[in-house]
Each structure stands twice: as structure tokens, then as C-alpha cells.
């Protein structure tokens, strides 16, 4: 379990090496969580808007600062490639 955690942290730090990107992620993830809370309270428009903006900020951080893919996009591509192999 410790090895898996160390591997995860090393991978995360390699994909988030720039401190500006980390700050953008803190803001973006917080906005996504806030959006989820709004969805739970029935505020659909604002909830979806905040989730979109949170992911958008993280996308900017990866695309223009780190110059790599977001983890969600990389994970989706990996999952699709597994289904293609079947």
C-alpha cells in the first residue's frame, strides 16, 4: 500500500511540477466541489457552470503550463484503448 501511494505521489508531482499549475488546481478542484454542493442543493445551472469552470481551469494548467494531458483525459483514452483490444 505504501509503495502504491509513493508511486501515485511521484506521478502526481511529475504531472504537476509547476507551482502555478498547482495553485490553479487548488482553485479548480475547489470550484468543482462547490459545484457538486450546488447540484445537491438543486442549483443545477450554477452547479454545472462551476464544475465546468473548475475543469476548465485545470485544463488550462495542463495544456498551457505543464503541456501534458489532464489525468481524466488520459484515463479515458486508456480505458477506450482497452476496449478496442477486446
N, C-alpha and C. Protein backbone atom coordinates (compact mmCIF):
# COMPACT_ATOMS: atom_id res chain seq x y z
N UNK A 1 0.82 -1.20 0.00
CA UNK A 1 0.00 0.00 0.00
C UNK A 1 0.86 1.26 0.00
N UNK A 2 1.94 1.26 0.78
CA UNK A 2 2.82 2.42 0.84
C UNK A 2 3.50 2.64 -0.51
N UNK A 3 3.91 1.55 -1.17
CA UNK A 3 4.54 1.66 -2.48
C UNK A 3 3.59 2.28 -3.50
N UNK A 4 2.33 1.87 -3.43
CA UNK A 4 1.34 2.43 -4.36
C UNK A 4 1.14 3.92 -4.11
N UNK A 5 1.12 4.32 -2.85
CA UNK A 5 0.95 5.74 -2.51
C UNK A 5 2.16 6.55 -2.98
N UNK A 6 3.35 6.02 -2.76
CA UNK A 6 4.57 6.70 -3.20
C UNK A 6 4.57 6.84 -4.72
N UNK A 7 4.16 5.79 -5.41
CA UNK A 7 4.08 5.83 -6.88
C UNK A 7 3.08 6.88 -7.33
N UNK A 8 1.93 6.95 -6.67
CA UNK A 8 0.90 7.93 -7.02
C UNK A 8 1.41 9.36 -6.82
N UNK A 9 2.06 9.61 -5.68
CA UNK A 9 2.55 10.96 -5.38
C UNK A 9 3.64 11.36 -6.37
N UNK A 10 4.53 10.44 -6.71
CA UNK A 10 5.58 10.75 -7.69
C UNK A 10 4.97 11.07 -9.05
N UNK A 11 3.98 10.29 -9.46
CA UNK A 11 3.32 10.54 -10.73
C UNK A 11 2.61 11.89 -10.71
N UNK A 12 1.91 12.17 -9.60
CA UNK A 12 1.20 13.44 -9.48
C UNK A 12 2.17 14.61 -9.56
N UNK A 13 3.27 14.54 -8.81
CA UNK A 13 4.24 15.63 -8.81
C UNK A 13 4.90 15.81 -10.18
N UNK A 14 5.10 14.71 -10.91
CA UNK A 14 5.71 14.84 -12.23
C UNK A 14 4.76 15.53 -13.20
N UNK A 15 3.44 15.34 -13.01
CA UNK A 15 2.45 15.95 -13.90
C UNK A 15 2.03 17.34 -13.41
N UNK A 16 2.43 17.70 -12.21
CA UNK A 16 2.08 19.00 -11.61
C UNK A 16 3.35 19.62 -11.02
N UNK A 17 4.37 19.78 -11.84
CA UNK A 17 5.67 20.26 -11.37
C UNK A 17 5.70 21.78 -11.19
N UNK A 18 4.87 22.50 -11.94
CA UNK A 18 4.86 23.95 -11.89
C UNK A 18 3.93 24.42 -10.77
N UNK A 19 4.44 25.26 -9.89
CA UNK A 19 3.65 25.72 -8.75
C UNK A 19 2.42 26.51 -9.17
N UNK A 20 2.49 27.24 -10.28
CA UNK A 20 1.31 27.96 -10.77
C UNK A 20 0.21 26.97 -11.13
N UNK A 21 0.57 25.86 -11.73
CA UNK A 21 -0.41 24.83 -12.07
C UNK A 21 -1.04 24.24 -10.80
N UNK A 22 -0.25 24.06 -9.77
CA UNK A 22 -0.78 23.55 -8.50
C UNK A 22 -1.80 24.53 -7.92
N UNK A 23 -1.49 25.81 -7.97
CA UNK A 23 -2.42 26.83 -7.47
C UNK A 23 -3.70 26.82 -8.29
N UNK A 24 -3.57 26.74 -9.61
CA UNK A 24 -4.74 26.67 -10.48
C UNK A 24 -5.58 25.43 -10.14
N UNK A 25 -4.92 24.32 -9.86
CA UNK A 25 -5.64 23.10 -9.49
C UNK A 25 -6.38 23.25 -8.16
N UNK A 26 -5.76 23.89 -7.20
CA UNK A 26 -6.43 24.11 -5.91
C UNK A 26 -7.71 24.90 -6.13
N UNK A 27 -7.64 25.93 -6.94
CA UNK A 27 -8.83 26.74 -7.24
C UNK A 27 -9.85 25.92 -8.03
N UNK A 28 -9.37 25.22 -9.08
CA UNK A 28 -10.28 24.45 -9.94
C UNK A 28 -10.97 23.30 -9.21
N UNK A 29 -10.23 22.58 -8.39
CA UNK A 29 -10.82 21.46 -7.65
C UNK A 29 -11.82 21.99 -6.63
N UNK A 30 -11.48 23.11 -5.98
CA UNK A 30 -12.42 23.71 -5.03
C UNK A 30 -13.70 24.14 -5.73
N UNK A 31 -13.55 24.68 -6.91
CA UNK A 31 -14.73 25.10 -7.67
C UNK A 31 -15.58 23.91 -8.07
N UNK A 32 -14.96 22.80 -8.43
CA UNK A 32 -15.71 21.58 -8.76
C UNK A 32 -16.48 21.07 -7.55
N UNK A 33 -15.84 21.06 -6.39
CA UNK A 33 -16.51 20.61 -5.16
C UNK A 33 -17.67 21.53 -4.83
N UNK A 34 -17.46 22.83 -4.97
CA UNK A 34 -18.53 23.81 -4.75
C UNK A 34 -19.68 23.56 -5.73
N UNK A 35 -19.34 23.25 -6.99
CA UNK A 35 -20.37 22.95 -7.97
C UNK A 35 -21.17 21.71 -7.62
N UNK A 36 -20.50 20.68 -7.11
CA UNK A 36 -21.20 19.48 -6.68
C UNK A 36 -22.15 19.78 -5.52
N UNK A 37 -21.72 20.63 -4.61
CA UNK A 37 -22.59 21.01 -3.50
C UNK A 37 -23.81 21.77 -4.03
N UNK A 38 -23.61 22.62 -5.01
CA UNK A 38 -24.73 23.34 -5.59
C UNK A 38 -25.70 22.39 -6.29
N UNK A 39 -25.16 21.38 -6.96
CA UNK A 39 -26.04 20.38 -7.60
C UNK A 39 -26.89 19.68 -6.56
N UNK A 40 -26.28 19.33 -5.43
CA UNK A 40 -27.02 18.66 -4.37
C UNK A 40 -28.11 19.54 -3.77
N UNK A 41 -27.92 20.86 -3.85
CA UNK A 41 -28.92 21.79 -3.33
C UNK A 41 -29.96 22.15 -4.39
N UNK A 42 -29.84 21.56 -5.57
CA UNK A 42 -30.82 21.80 -6.62
C UNK A 42 -30.53 22.99 -7.50
N UNK A 43 -29.38 23.58 -7.37
CA UNK A 43 -29.00 24.72 -8.21
C UNK A 43 -28.23 24.20 -9.42
N UNK A 44 -28.95 23.63 -10.36
CA UNK A 44 -28.35 22.92 -11.49
C UNK A 44 -27.49 23.80 -12.37
N UNK A 45 -28.00 24.96 -12.74
CA UNK A 45 -27.25 25.82 -13.67
C UNK A 45 -25.92 26.26 -13.07
N UNK A 46 -25.95 26.76 -11.83
CA UNK A 46 -24.72 27.21 -11.19
C UNK A 46 -23.79 26.03 -10.86
N UNK A 47 -24.36 24.92 -10.48
CA UNK A 47 -23.56 23.75 -10.19
C UNK A 47 -22.79 23.27 -11.40
N UNK A 48 -23.50 23.13 -12.52
CA UNK A 48 -22.84 22.69 -13.75
C UNK A 48 -21.83 23.73 -14.24
N UNK A 49 -22.18 24.99 -14.11
CA UNK A 49 -21.26 26.06 -14.51
C UNK A 49 -19.97 25.98 -13.70
N UNK A 50 -20.07 25.83 -12.38
CA UNK A 50 -18.87 25.78 -11.55
C UNK A 50 -18.05 24.53 -11.80
N UNK A 51 -18.69 23.40 -12.04
CA UNK A 51 -17.95 22.19 -12.37
C UNK A 51 -17.20 22.38 -13.69
N UNK A 52 -17.89 22.94 -14.68
CA UNK A 52 -17.24 23.20 -15.97
C UNK A 52 -16.05 24.14 -15.80
N UNK A 53 -16.24 25.23 -15.06
CA UNK A 53 -15.15 26.19 -14.88
C UNK A 53 -13.98 25.59 -14.10
N UNK A 54 -14.28 24.74 -13.13
CA UNK A 54 -13.21 24.09 -12.38
C UNK A 54 -12.37 23.19 -13.26
N UNK A 55 -13.03 22.39 -14.11
CA UNK A 55 -12.30 21.54 -15.04
C UNK A 55 -11.57 22.39 -16.08
N UNK A 56 -12.19 23.48 -16.50
CA UNK A 56 -11.57 24.37 -17.48
C UNK A 56 -10.26 24.95 -16.94
N UNK A 57 -10.26 25.38 -15.68
CA UNK A 57 -9.03 25.89 -15.08
C UNK A 57 -7.94 24.82 -15.06
N UNK A 58 -8.32 23.61 -14.70
CA UNK A 58 -7.33 22.53 -14.65
C UNK A 58 -6.81 22.20 -16.06
N UNK A 59 -7.70 22.28 -17.04
CA UNK A 59 -7.30 22.04 -18.43
C UNK A 59 -6.28 23.10 -18.87
N UNK A 60 -6.54 24.36 -18.50
CA UNK A 60 -5.60 25.43 -18.83
C UNK A 60 -4.23 25.13 -18.21
N UNK A 61 -4.24 24.70 -16.95
CA UNK A 61 -2.98 24.40 -16.27
C UNK A 61 -2.19 23.30 -16.96
N UNK A 62 -2.89 22.27 -17.40
CA UNK A 62 -2.18 21.17 -18.07
C UNK A 62 -1.80 21.53 -19.50
N UNK A 63 -2.68 22.18 -20.22
CA UNK A 63 -2.44 22.44 -21.63
C UNK A 63 -1.39 23.52 -21.84
N UNK A 64 -1.48 24.62 -21.10
CA UNK A 64 -0.61 25.76 -21.37
C UNK A 64 0.56 25.91 -20.40
N UNK A 65 0.47 25.34 -19.22
CA UNK A 65 1.57 25.49 -18.26
C UNK A 65 2.43 24.23 -18.23
N UNK A 66 1.81 23.07 -17.98
CA UNK A 66 2.56 21.82 -17.89
C UNK A 66 2.79 21.18 -19.27
N UNK A 67 1.93 21.50 -20.20
CA UNK A 67 1.99 20.92 -21.55
C UNK A 67 1.86 19.40 -21.52
N UNK A 68 0.87 18.91 -20.74
CA UNK A 68 0.54 17.49 -20.70
C UNK A 68 -0.97 17.34 -20.60
N UNK A 69 -1.45 16.12 -20.62
CA UNK A 69 -2.89 15.88 -20.57
C UNK A 69 -3.40 15.85 -19.14
N UNK A 70 -4.66 16.21 -18.99
CA UNK A 70 -5.31 16.05 -17.68
C UNK A 70 -5.42 14.57 -17.39
N UNK A 71 -5.37 14.20 -16.13
CA UNK A 71 -5.46 12.80 -15.73
C UNK A 71 -6.75 12.15 -16.19
N UNK A 72 -7.86 12.90 -16.16
CA UNK A 72 -9.15 12.33 -16.58
C UNK A 72 -9.12 11.98 -18.07
N UNK A 73 -8.56 12.85 -18.88
CA UNK A 73 -8.49 12.59 -20.32
C UNK A 73 -7.57 11.41 -20.60
N UNK A 74 -6.43 11.37 -19.94
CA UNK A 74 -5.50 10.24 -20.12
C UNK A 74 -6.16 8.94 -19.68
N UNK A 75 -6.92 8.97 -18.57
CA UNK A 75 -7.61 7.77 -18.10
C UNK A 75 -8.68 7.30 -19.07
N UNK A 76 -9.43 8.24 -19.63
CA UNK A 76 -10.47 7.89 -20.60
C UNK A 76 -9.84 7.28 -21.84
N UNK A 77 -8.75 7.86 -22.33
CA UNK A 77 -8.05 7.31 -23.50
C UNK A 77 -7.55 5.89 -23.22
N UNK A 78 -7.03 5.69 -22.01
CA UNK A 78 -6.52 4.37 -21.64
C UNK A 78 -7.66 3.35 -21.59
N UNK A 79 -8.80 3.76 -21.04
CA UNK A 79 -9.95 2.87 -20.96
C UNK A 79 -10.48 2.53 -22.36
N UNK A 80 -10.55 3.51 -23.25
CA UNK A 80 -11.01 3.27 -24.61
C UNK A 80 -10.07 2.33 -25.34
N UNK A 81 -8.77 2.49 -25.14
CA UNK A 81 -7.80 1.61 -25.81
C UNK A 81 -7.95 0.18 -25.33
N UNK A 82 -8.32 -0.03 -24.07
CA UNK A 82 -8.52 -1.39 -23.56
C UNK A 82 -9.73 -2.03 -24.24
N UNK A 83 -10.80 -1.24 -24.44
CA UNK A 83 -11.98 -1.78 -25.11
C UNK A 83 -11.72 -2.09 -26.58
N UNK A 84 -10.84 -1.33 -27.20
CA UNK A 84 -10.51 -1.58 -28.61
C UNK A 84 -9.75 -2.89 -28.77
N UNK A 85 -9.01 -3.27 -27.73
CA UNK A 85 -8.23 -4.51 -27.79
C UNK A 85 -9.10 -5.75 -27.67
N UNK A 86 -10.33 -5.59 -27.19
CA UNK A 86 -11.21 -6.74 -26.98
C UNK A 86 -11.73 -7.26 -28.30
